[in-house]
């Protein structure tokens, strides 16, 4: 498969190439919108690292992986923490999508489940191991997961870049 050519314009990364559509149908990378596939920053970097995509500016100038990373970090200060979680989950075989409408970083599908066919199992919040969360913030995250009928998955990234996961659920005594 040849590399997908995508464009980074106005904060949106997209491609209308047949390879982009084929990759979406096979592995659920990106979101179809009209005649093109829209990628999240995390999906695009993952695909850059896997040599599946090349990203260009609107002037048709190729954006290097290093420059793409800089742009992404300017857009999202927590980009590297979120990306490490995204990459870890994708490499473990999960489909990972953004969850902005839920107020979280990601929604994650069980292995073998596809968006549109099944609902995501987890809603994911990411943080660095040195981060602090108040009980109020923790309760709010748990309520979001409960109200969306998903399990809360806390993804904590340590100093070495390793990710630990904590699944939180409601119990009724």
N, C-alpha and C. Protein backbone atom coordinates (compact mmCIF):
# COMPACT_ATOMS: atom_id res chain seq x y z
N UNK A 1 0.85 -1.19 0.00
CA UNK A 1 0.00 0.00 0.00
C UNK A 1 0.89 1.25 0.00
N UNK A 2 0.60 2.18 -0.89
CA UNK A 2 1.39 3.42 -0.92
C UNK A 2 0.99 4.31 0.25
N UNK A 3 1.89 5.24 0.60
CA UNK A 3 1.62 6.14 1.72
C UNK A 3 0.46 7.06 1.37
N UNK A 4 -0.35 7.30 2.36
CA UNK A 4 -1.48 8.22 2.22
C UNK A 4 -0.95 9.64 2.27
N UNK A 5 -1.43 10.48 1.39
CA UNK A 5 -1.07 11.89 1.41
C UNK A 5 -2.22 12.63 2.08
N UNK A 6 -1.91 13.28 3.21
CA UNK A 6 -2.93 14.03 3.95
C UNK A 6 -2.47 15.49 4.07
N UNK A 7 -3.45 16.35 4.30
CA UNK A 7 -3.16 17.78 4.43
C UNK A 7 -3.58 18.27 5.81
N UNK A 8 -2.72 19.13 6.39
CA UNK A 8 -2.96 19.74 7.70
C UNK A 8 -3.31 21.20 7.44
N UNK A 9 -4.61 21.49 7.43
CA UNK A 9 -5.09 22.83 7.12
C UNK A 9 -6.08 23.27 8.19
N UNK A 10 -5.80 24.43 8.80
CA UNK A 10 -6.72 24.97 9.80
C UNK A 10 -6.94 24.04 10.98
N UNK A 11 -5.92 23.32 11.39
CA UNK A 11 -6.04 22.41 12.53
C UNK A 11 -6.68 21.08 12.21
N UNK A 12 -7.03 20.85 10.93
CA UNK A 12 -7.68 19.61 10.51
C UNK A 12 -6.74 18.84 9.58
N UNK A 13 -6.60 17.56 9.85
CA UNK A 13 -5.78 16.69 9.01
C UNK A 13 -6.74 15.80 8.24
N UNK A 14 -6.63 15.83 6.91
CA UNK A 14 -7.58 15.05 6.11
C UNK A 14 -6.94 14.54 4.83
N UNK A 15 -7.58 13.51 4.28
CA UNK A 15 -7.17 12.96 3.00
C UNK A 15 -8.40 12.46 2.26
N UNK A 16 -8.37 12.61 0.94
CA UNK A 16 -9.45 12.06 0.13
C UNK A 16 -8.95 10.92 -0.76
N UNK A 17 -7.77 10.39 -0.47
CA UNK A 17 -7.20 9.32 -1.27
C UNK A 17 -7.88 7.98 -1.00
N UNK A 18 -7.91 7.14 -2.00
CA UNK A 18 -8.53 5.81 -1.87
C UNK A 18 -7.87 5.00 -0.76
N UNK A 19 -6.56 5.17 -0.57
CA UNK A 19 -5.84 4.43 0.47
C UNK A 19 -6.33 4.84 1.86
N UNK A 20 -6.68 6.11 2.04
CA UNK A 20 -7.20 6.58 3.32
C UNK A 20 -8.54 5.92 3.63
N UNK A 21 -9.38 5.84 2.62
CA UNK A 21 -10.70 5.21 2.78
C UNK A 21 -10.52 3.71 3.06
N UNK A 22 -9.60 3.08 2.36
CA UNK A 22 -9.35 1.65 2.57
C UNK A 22 -8.82 1.39 3.98
N UNK A 23 -7.93 2.24 4.47
CA UNK A 23 -7.38 2.08 5.82
C UNK A 23 -8.47 2.29 6.87
N UNK A 24 -9.36 3.26 6.62
CA UNK A 24 -10.48 3.46 7.55
C UNK A 24 -11.35 2.20 7.60
N UNK A 25 -11.68 1.67 6.44
CA UNK A 25 -12.55 0.49 6.39
C UNK A 25 -11.90 -0.72 7.03
N UNK A 26 -10.58 -0.83 6.92
CA UNK A 26 -9.86 -1.98 7.48
C UNK A 26 -9.60 -1.80 8.98
N UNK A 27 -9.12 -0.63 9.39
CA UNK A 27 -8.60 -0.45 10.75
C UNK A 27 -9.22 0.71 11.53
N UNK A 28 -10.20 1.39 10.95
CA UNK A 28 -10.90 2.50 11.62
C UNK A 28 -10.01 3.68 12.00
N UNK A 29 -9.01 3.97 11.16
CA UNK A 29 -8.22 5.18 11.39
C UNK A 29 -8.94 6.34 10.72
N UNK A 30 -9.21 7.39 11.49
CA UNK A 30 -9.90 8.56 10.98
C UNK A 30 -11.40 8.43 11.07
N UNK A 31 -12.07 9.47 10.61
CA UNK A 31 -13.54 9.53 10.58
C UNK A 31 -13.96 9.99 9.20
N UNK A 32 -14.85 9.25 8.56
CA UNK A 32 -15.30 9.69 7.23
C UNK A 32 -16.17 10.94 7.34
N UNK A 33 -15.93 11.87 6.45
CA UNK A 33 -16.74 13.09 6.37
C UNK A 33 -16.83 13.47 4.90
N UNK A 34 -18.03 13.35 4.35
CA UNK A 34 -18.24 13.58 2.91
C UNK A 34 -17.32 12.68 2.11
N UNK A 35 -16.44 13.26 1.33
CA UNK A 35 -15.57 12.48 0.44
C UNK A 35 -14.15 12.31 0.99
N UNK A 36 -13.97 12.54 2.30
CA UNK A 36 -12.61 12.47 2.83
C UNK A 36 -12.60 11.81 4.21
N UNK A 37 -11.39 11.54 4.68
CA UNK A 37 -11.18 10.98 6.01
C UNK A 37 -10.48 12.05 6.84
N UNK A 38 -11.03 12.31 8.03
CA UNK A 38 -10.46 13.29 8.96
C UNK A 38 -9.72 12.53 10.06
N UNK A 39 -8.48 12.91 10.32
CA UNK A 39 -7.66 12.26 11.34
C UNK A 39 -7.48 13.14 12.56
N UNK A 40 -7.46 12.51 13.74
CA UNK A 40 -7.08 13.24 14.95
C UNK A 40 -5.56 13.42 14.92
N UNK A 41 -5.05 14.32 15.74
CA UNK A 41 -3.60 14.51 15.83
C UNK A 41 -2.91 13.20 16.21
N UNK A 42 -3.54 12.45 17.11
CA UNK A 42 -2.96 11.20 17.62
C UNK A 42 -2.91 10.14 16.52
N UNK A 43 -4.01 10.02 15.77
CA UNK A 43 -4.03 9.05 14.67
C UNK A 43 -2.98 9.40 13.63
N UNK A 44 -2.88 10.69 13.30
CA UNK A 44 -1.92 11.12 12.28
C UNK A 44 -0.49 10.81 12.70
N UNK A 45 -0.12 11.13 13.94
CA UNK A 45 1.24 10.85 14.39
C UNK A 45 1.51 9.35 14.40
N UNK A 46 0.56 8.57 14.86
CA UNK A 46 0.71 7.12 14.87
C UNK A 46 0.96 6.60 13.46
N UNK A 47 0.19 7.09 12.50
CA UNK A 47 0.35 6.65 11.11
C UNK A 47 1.65 7.17 10.49
N UNK A 48 2.11 8.35 10.91
CA UNK A 48 3.41 8.86 10.47
C UNK A 48 4.50 7.91 10.97
N UNK A 49 4.44 7.56 12.26
CA UNK A 49 5.44 6.66 12.83
C UNK A 49 5.43 5.29 12.15
N UNK A 50 4.28 4.84 11.70
CA UNK A 50 4.16 3.53 11.05
C UNK A 50 4.41 3.60 9.54
N UNK A 51 4.82 4.78 9.05
CA UNK A 51 5.09 5.00 7.62
C UNK A 51 3.89 4.72 6.73
N UNK A 52 2.70 5.06 7.20
CA UNK A 52 1.49 4.85 6.42
C UNK A 52 0.96 6.15 5.84
N UNK A 53 1.45 7.28 6.35
CA UNK A 53 0.90 8.58 5.94
C UNK A 53 2.01 9.62 5.88
N UNK A 54 1.85 10.57 4.98
CA UNK A 54 2.69 11.77 4.93
C UNK A 54 1.75 12.95 5.02
N UNK A 55 2.11 13.91 5.85
CA UNK A 55 1.26 15.07 6.07
C UNK A 55 1.91 16.29 5.43
N UNK A 56 1.06 17.06 4.73
CA UNK A 56 1.52 18.24 4.01
C UNK A 56 0.77 19.47 4.49
N UNK A 57 1.43 20.64 4.37
CA UNK A 57 0.78 21.90 4.66
C UNK A 57 -0.10 22.28 3.46
N UNK A 58 -0.89 23.34 3.61
CA UNK A 58 -1.75 23.76 2.49
C UNK A 58 -0.92 24.28 1.32
N UNK A 59 0.37 24.60 1.55
CA UNK A 59 1.25 25.01 0.45
C UNK A 59 1.88 23.79 -0.23
N UNK A 60 1.42 22.58 0.12
CA UNK A 60 1.90 21.32 -0.43
C UNK A 60 3.35 21.03 -0.03
N UNK A 61 3.74 21.52 1.16
CA UNK A 61 5.08 21.26 1.69
C UNK A 61 4.96 20.15 2.74
N UNK A 62 5.79 19.11 2.60
CA UNK A 62 5.75 17.99 3.54
C UNK A 62 6.14 18.46 4.93
N UNK A 63 5.36 18.03 5.91
CA UNK A 63 5.63 18.36 7.31
C UNK A 63 6.38 17.17 7.92
N UNK A 64 7.58 17.43 8.45
CA UNK A 64 8.37 16.36 9.05
C UNK A 64 7.70 15.88 10.34
N UNK A 65 8.07 14.68 10.78
CA UNK A 65 7.52 14.15 12.03
C UNK A 65 7.83 15.10 13.19
N UNK A 66 9.04 15.64 13.22
CA UNK A 66 9.46 16.56 14.28
C UNK A 66 8.58 17.83 14.27
N UNK A 67 8.35 18.40 13.09
CA UNK A 67 7.51 19.60 12.99
C UNK A 67 6.05 19.30 13.31
N UNK A 68 5.59 18.11 12.90
CA UNK A 68 4.22 17.71 13.23
C UNK A 68 4.05 17.63 14.75
N UNK A 69 5.05 17.07 15.41
CA UNK A 69 5.01 16.96 16.87
C UNK A 69 4.98 18.34 17.51
N UNK A 70 5.80 19.26 17.01
CA UNK A 70 5.80 20.63 17.55
C UNK A 70 4.44 21.29 17.38
N UNK A 71 3.85 21.17 16.19
CA UNK A 71 2.53 21.75 15.93
C UNK A 71 1.49 21.16 16.88
N UNK A 72 1.55 19.85 17.05
CA UNK A 72 0.58 19.16 17.91
C UNK A 72 0.70 19.61 19.36
N UNK A 73 1.94 19.79 19.82
CA UNK A 73 2.15 20.23 21.20
C UNK A 73 1.72 21.68 21.41
N UNK A 74 1.77 22.48 20.36
CA UNK A 74 1.25 23.86 20.47
C UNK A 74 -0.28 23.85 20.57
N UNK A 75 -0.90 22.93 19.86
CA UNK A 75 -2.36 22.82 19.88
C UNK A 75 -2.85 22.24 21.21
N UNK A 76 -2.13 21.25 21.73
CA UNK A 76 -2.55 20.54 22.94
C UNK A 76 -1.34 20.37 23.86
N UNK A 77 -1.34 21.07 24.97
CA UNK A 77 -0.20 21.03 25.91
C UNK A 77 0.02 19.64 26.49
N UNK A 78 -1.03 18.82 26.59
CA UNK A 78 -0.90 17.46 27.12
C UNK A 78 -0.74 16.43 25.99
N UNK A 79 -0.35 16.88 24.81
CA UNK A 79 -0.32 16.00 23.65
C UNK A 79 0.49 14.73 23.88
N UNK A 80 1.72 14.85 24.41
CA UNK A 80 2.58 13.66 24.54
C UNK A 80 2.01 12.65 25.53
N UNK A 81 1.42 13.11 26.60
CA UNK A 81 0.80 12.18 27.55
C UNK A 81 -0.34 11.44 26.86
N UNK A 82 -1.20 12.18 26.19
CA UNK A 82 -2.33 11.56 25.50
C UNK A 82 -1.85 10.64 24.38
N UNK A 83 -0.82 11.06 23.66
CA UNK A 83 -0.35 10.25 22.55
C UNK A 83 0.23 8.92 23.04
N UNK A 84 0.96 8.95 24.14
CA UNK A 84 1.51 7.69 24.66
C UNK A 84 0.40 6.70 24.99
N UNK A 85 -0.69 7.21 25.53
CA UNK A 85 -1.84 6.35 25.84
C UNK A 85 -2.48 5.85 24.55
N UNK A 86 -2.70 6.76 23.61
CA UNK A 86 -3.28 6.37 22.31
C UNK A 86 -2.46 5.27 21.67
N UNK A 87 -1.15 5.49 21.56
CA UNK A 87 -0.26 4.52 20.90
C UNK A 87 -0.29 3.18 21.62
N UNK A 88 -0.23 3.20 22.94
CA UNK A 88 -0.23 1.96 23.72
C UNK A 88 -1.52 1.16 23.47
N UNK A 89 -2.65 1.84 23.50
CA UNK A 89 -3.93 1.15 23.28
C UNK A 89 -4.06 0.62 21.85
N UNK A 90 -3.64 1.42 20.86
CA UNK A 90 -3.71 0.95 19.47
C UNK A 90 -2.79 -0.25 19.25
N UNK A 91 -1.61 -0.20 19.83
CA UNK A 91 -0.68 -1.31 19.67
C UNK A 91 -1.19 -2.58 20.37
N UNK A 92 -2.07 -2.42 21.33
CA UNK A 92 -2.68 -3.57 22.00
C UNK A 92 -3.92 -4.06 21.25
N UNK A 93 -4.25 -3.42 20.12
CA UNK A 93 -5.33 -3.90 19.27
C UNK A 93 -6.68 -3.24 19.48
N UNK A 94 -6.72 -2.16 20.24
CA UNK A 94 -7.99 -1.45 20.47
C UNK A 94 -8.17 -0.33 19.46
N UNK A 95 -9.41 -0.03 19.15
CA UNK A 95 -9.72 1.16 18.36
C UNK A 95 -9.92 2.29 19.34
N UNK A 96 -9.24 3.40 19.09
CA UNK A 96 -9.24 4.54 20.00
C UNK A 96 -9.73 5.77 19.23
N UNK A 97 -10.75 6.41 19.76
CA UNK A 97 -11.31 7.61 19.14
C UNK A 97 -11.35 8.73 20.18
N UNK A 98 -11.39 9.96 19.71
CA UNK A 98 -11.50 11.08 20.63
C UNK A 98 -12.85 11.04 21.33
N UNK A 99 -12.91 11.69 22.48
CA UNK A 99 -14.15 11.68 23.27
C UNK A 99 -14.48 13.09 23.77
N UNK A 100 -14.20 14.07 22.95
CA UNK A 100 -14.43 15.46 23.36
C UNK A 100 -15.88 15.71 23.73
N UNK A 101 -16.82 15.10 23.01
CA UNK A 101 -18.23 15.35 23.33
C UNK A 101 -18.62 14.76 24.67
N UNK A 102 -17.78 13.85 25.21
CA UNK A 102 -18.03 13.30 26.54
C UNK A 102 -17.20 14.02 27.60
N UNK A 103 -16.37 14.95 27.18
CA UNK A 103 -15.52 15.66 28.14
C UNK A 103 -14.33 14.84 28.58
N UNK A 104 -13.93 13.86 27.78
CA UNK A 104 -12.79 13.00 28.10
C UNK A 104 -11.80 13.03 26.94
N UNK A 105 -10.67 12.35 27.13
CA UNK A 105 -9.67 12.31 26.05
C UNK A 105 -10.06 11.31 24.96
N UNK A 106 -10.38 10.08 25.38
CA UNK A 106 -10.63 9.04 24.40
C UNK A 106 -11.82 8.17 24.78
N UNK A 107 -12.37 7.51 23.77
CA UNK A 107 -13.27 6.39 23.97
C UNK A 107 -12.59 5.21 23.32
N UNK A 108 -12.67 4.06 23.97
CA UNK A 108 -11.90 2.90 23.53
C UNK A 108 -12.85 1.72 23.35
N UNK A 109 -12.66 1.04 22.23
CA UNK A 109 -13.49 -0.11 21.88
C UNK A 109 -12.74 -1.40 22.22
N UNK A 110 -13.48 -2.39 22.67
CA UNK A 110 -12.87 -3.69 22.93
C UNK A 110 -12.29 -4.23 21.63
N UNK A 111 -11.31 -5.11 21.75
CA UNK A 111 -10.72 -5.73 20.56
C UNK A 111 -11.83 -6.40 19.75
N UNK A 112 -11.82 -6.15 18.46
CA UNK A 112 -12.81 -6.73 17.56
C UNK A 112 -14.07 -5.90 17.40
N UNK A 113 -14.30 -4.91 18.27
CA UNK A 113 -15.48 -4.05 18.17
C UNK A 113 -15.17 -2.87 17.25
N UNK A 114 -16.16 -2.45 16.50
CA UNK A 114 -15.98 -1.32 15.57
C UNK A 114 -16.97 -0.21 15.90
N UNK A 115 -16.52 1.04 15.82
CA UNK A 115 -17.44 2.16 16.01
C UNK A 115 -18.60 2.05 15.01
N UNK A 116 -19.78 2.35 15.47
CA UNK A 116 -20.95 2.26 14.60
C UNK A 116 -21.62 0.90 14.69
N UNK A 117 -20.86 -0.11 15.05
CA UNK A 117 -21.41 -1.47 15.21
C UNK A 117 -21.64 -1.78 16.69
N UNK A 118 -20.73 -1.31 17.53
CA UNK A 118 -20.83 -1.49 18.99
C UNK A 118 -20.46 -0.17 19.64
N UNK A 119 -20.83 -0.05 20.90
CA UNK A 119 -20.45 1.14 21.67
C UNK A 119 -19.08 0.92 22.29
N UNK A 120 -18.39 2.03 22.55
CA UNK A 120 -17.10 1.95 23.23
C UNK A 120 -17.31 1.37 24.62
N UNK A 121 -16.33 0.61 25.07
CA UNK A 121 -16.42 0.02 26.42
C UNK A 121 -15.93 1.01 27.47
N UNK A 122 -14.88 1.77 27.14
CA UNK A 122 -14.26 2.66 28.12
C UNK A 122 -14.27 4.11 27.65
N UNK A 123 -14.30 4.98 28.63
CA UNK A 123 -14.02 6.39 28.41
C UNK A 123 -12.73 6.65 29.19
N UNK A 124 -11.75 7.27 28.53
CA UNK A 124 -10.40 7.35 29.09
C UNK A 124 -10.03 8.79 29.42
N UNK A 125 -9.49 8.94 30.62
CA UNK A 125 -8.89 10.19 31.05
C UNK A 125 -7.41 9.91 31.27
N UNK A 126 -6.54 10.78 30.78
CA UNK A 126 -5.10 10.59 30.89
C UNK A 126 -4.49 11.59 31.85
N UNK A 127 -3.36 11.21 32.42
CA UNK A 127 -2.61 12.13 33.27
C UNK A 127 -1.20 11.60 33.44
N UNK A 128 -0.33 12.46 33.89
CA UNK A 128 1.04 12.09 34.22
C UNK A 128 1.04 11.63 35.67
N UNK A 129 1.97 10.75 36.03
CA UNK A 129 2.00 10.22 37.39
C UNK A 129 2.18 11.32 38.45
N UNK A 130 2.76 12.46 38.07
CA UNK A 130 2.94 13.56 39.01
C UNK A 130 1.70 14.46 39.09
N UNK A 131 0.71 14.20 38.22
CA UNK A 131 -0.50 15.00 38.21
C UNK A 131 -1.34 14.77 39.47
N UNK A 132 -2.15 15.74 39.78
CA UNK A 132 -3.01 15.64 40.96
C UNK A 132 -4.46 15.83 40.53
N UNK A 133 -5.32 15.00 41.08
CA UNK A 133 -6.74 15.08 40.81
C UNK A 133 -7.46 15.16 42.15
N UNK A 134 -8.36 16.12 42.27
CA UNK A 134 -9.13 16.23 43.52
C UNK A 134 -10.24 15.17 43.52
N UNK A 135 -10.79 14.91 44.69
CA UNK A 135 -11.92 13.96 44.79
C UNK A 135 -13.09 14.46 43.95
N UNK A 136 -13.28 15.77 43.93
CA UNK A 136 -14.37 16.36 43.14
C UNK A 136 -14.17 16.05 41.65
N UNK A 137 -12.93 16.25 41.15
CA UNK A 137 -12.62 15.98 39.75
C UNK A 137 -12.77 14.48 39.44
N UNK A 138 -12.32 13.64 40.38
CA UNK A 138 -12.43 12.20 40.20
C UNK A 138 -13.91 11.79 40.13
N UNK A 139 -14.72 12.33 41.02
CA UNK A 139 -16.16 12.01 41.01
C UNK A 139 -16.80 12.48 39.71
N UNK A 140 -16.39 13.64 39.20
CA UNK A 140 -16.95 14.15 37.95
C UNK A 140 -16.60 13.21 36.79
N UNK A 141 -15.36 12.74 36.73
CA UNK A 141 -14.95 11.80 35.69
C UNK A 141 -15.77 10.52 35.77
N UNK A 142 -15.97 10.03 36.98
CA UNK A 142 -16.73 8.80 37.18
C UNK A 142 -18.19 8.99 36.77
N UNK A 143 -18.76 10.15 37.07
CA UNK A 143 -20.15 10.44 36.66
C UNK A 143 -20.28 10.49 35.15
N UNK A 144 -19.28 11.08 34.47
CA UNK A 144 -19.31 11.13 33.00
C UNK A 144 -19.34 9.71 32.44
N UNK A 145 -18.46 8.85 32.95
CA UNK A 145 -18.41 7.47 32.47
C UNK A 145 -19.74 6.76 32.75
N UNK A 146 -20.25 6.92 33.95
CA UNK A 146 -21.50 6.25 34.32
C UNK A 146 -22.67 6.74 33.46
N UNK A 147 -22.75 8.04 33.24
CA UNK A 147 -23.87 8.59 32.47
C UNK A 147 -23.81 8.22 30.99
N UNK A 148 -22.62 7.87 30.50
CA UNK A 148 -22.48 7.47 29.10
C UNK A 148 -22.46 5.94 28.95
N UNK A 149 -22.70 5.25 30.06
CA UNK A 149 -22.73 3.77 30.10
C UNK A 149 -21.41 3.16 29.62
N UNK A 150 -20.33 3.77 30.08
CA UNK A 150 -19.00 3.26 29.78
C UNK A 150 -18.24 3.09 31.09
N UNK A 151 -17.21 2.28 31.04
CA UNK A 151 -16.36 2.12 32.21
C UNK A 151 -15.31 3.22 32.17
N UNK A 152 -14.98 3.73 33.34
CA UNK A 152 -13.96 4.76 33.46
C UNK A 152 -12.60 4.07 33.45
N UNK A 153 -11.72 4.53 32.56
CA UNK A 153 -10.36 4.01 32.50
C UNK A 153 -9.42 5.20 32.70
N UNK A 154 -8.67 5.15 33.79
CA UNK A 154 -7.67 6.18 34.06
C UNK A 154 -6.34 5.66 33.52
N UNK A 155 -5.71 6.43 32.66
CA UNK A 155 -4.43 6.05 32.05
C UNK A 155 -3.36 6.99 32.60
N UNK A 156 -2.43 6.42 33.35
CA UNK A 156 -1.39 7.21 34.00
C UNK A 156 -0.05 6.91 33.35
N UNK A 157 0.61 7.97 32.88
CA UNK A 157 1.90 7.85 32.19
C UNK A 157 3.00 8.20 33.19
N UNK A 158 4.00 7.30 33.32
CA UNK A 158 5.10 7.56 34.26
C UNK A 158 6.26 8.27 33.57
N UNK A 159 7.31 8.53 34.34
CA UNK A 159 8.48 9.28 33.83
C UNK A 159 9.14 8.59 32.63
N UNK A 160 9.07 7.26 32.57
CA UNK A 160 9.68 6.52 31.47
C UNK A 160 8.77 6.43 30.25
N UNK A 161 7.55 6.94 30.35
CA UNK A 161 6.62 6.89 29.24
C UNK A 161 5.74 5.64 29.24
N UNK A 162 5.87 4.80 30.28
CA UNK A 162 5.02 3.61 30.39
C UNK A 162 3.65 4.01 30.90
N UNK A 163 2.64 3.25 30.48
CA UNK A 163 1.26 3.58 30.84
C UNK A 163 0.69 2.50 31.76
N UNK A 164 0.06 2.93 32.84
CA UNK A 164 -0.68 2.03 33.75
C UNK A 164 -2.14 2.42 33.66
N UNK A 165 -3.01 1.41 33.68
CA UNK A 165 -4.45 1.64 33.54
C UNK A 165 -5.17 1.22 34.83
N UNK A 166 -6.16 2.03 35.19
CA UNK A 166 -7.00 1.75 36.34
C UNK A 166 -8.45 1.86 35.89
N UNK A 167 -9.16 0.74 35.93
CA UNK A 167 -10.57 0.75 35.57
C UNK A 167 -11.37 1.00 36.83
N UNK A 168 -12.29 1.95 36.74
CA UNK A 168 -13.12 2.33 37.87
C UNK A 168 -14.56 2.03 37.54
N UNK A 169 -15.26 1.41 38.45
CA UNK A 169 -16.65 1.11 38.21
C UNK A 169 -17.51 1.42 39.43
N UNK A 170 -18.79 1.55 39.20
CA UNK A 170 -19.75 1.80 40.27
C UNK A 170 -20.14 0.45 40.88
N UNK A 171 -20.31 0.45 42.18
CA UNK A 171 -20.89 -0.72 42.82
C UNK A 171 -22.03 -0.24 43.70
N UNK A 172 -22.99 -1.10 43.88
CA UNK A 172 -24.11 -0.77 44.77
C UNK A 172 -24.05 -1.75 45.94
N UNK A 173 -23.73 -1.25 47.13
CA UNK A 173 -23.63 -2.15 48.30
C UNK A 173 -24.98 -2.71 48.72
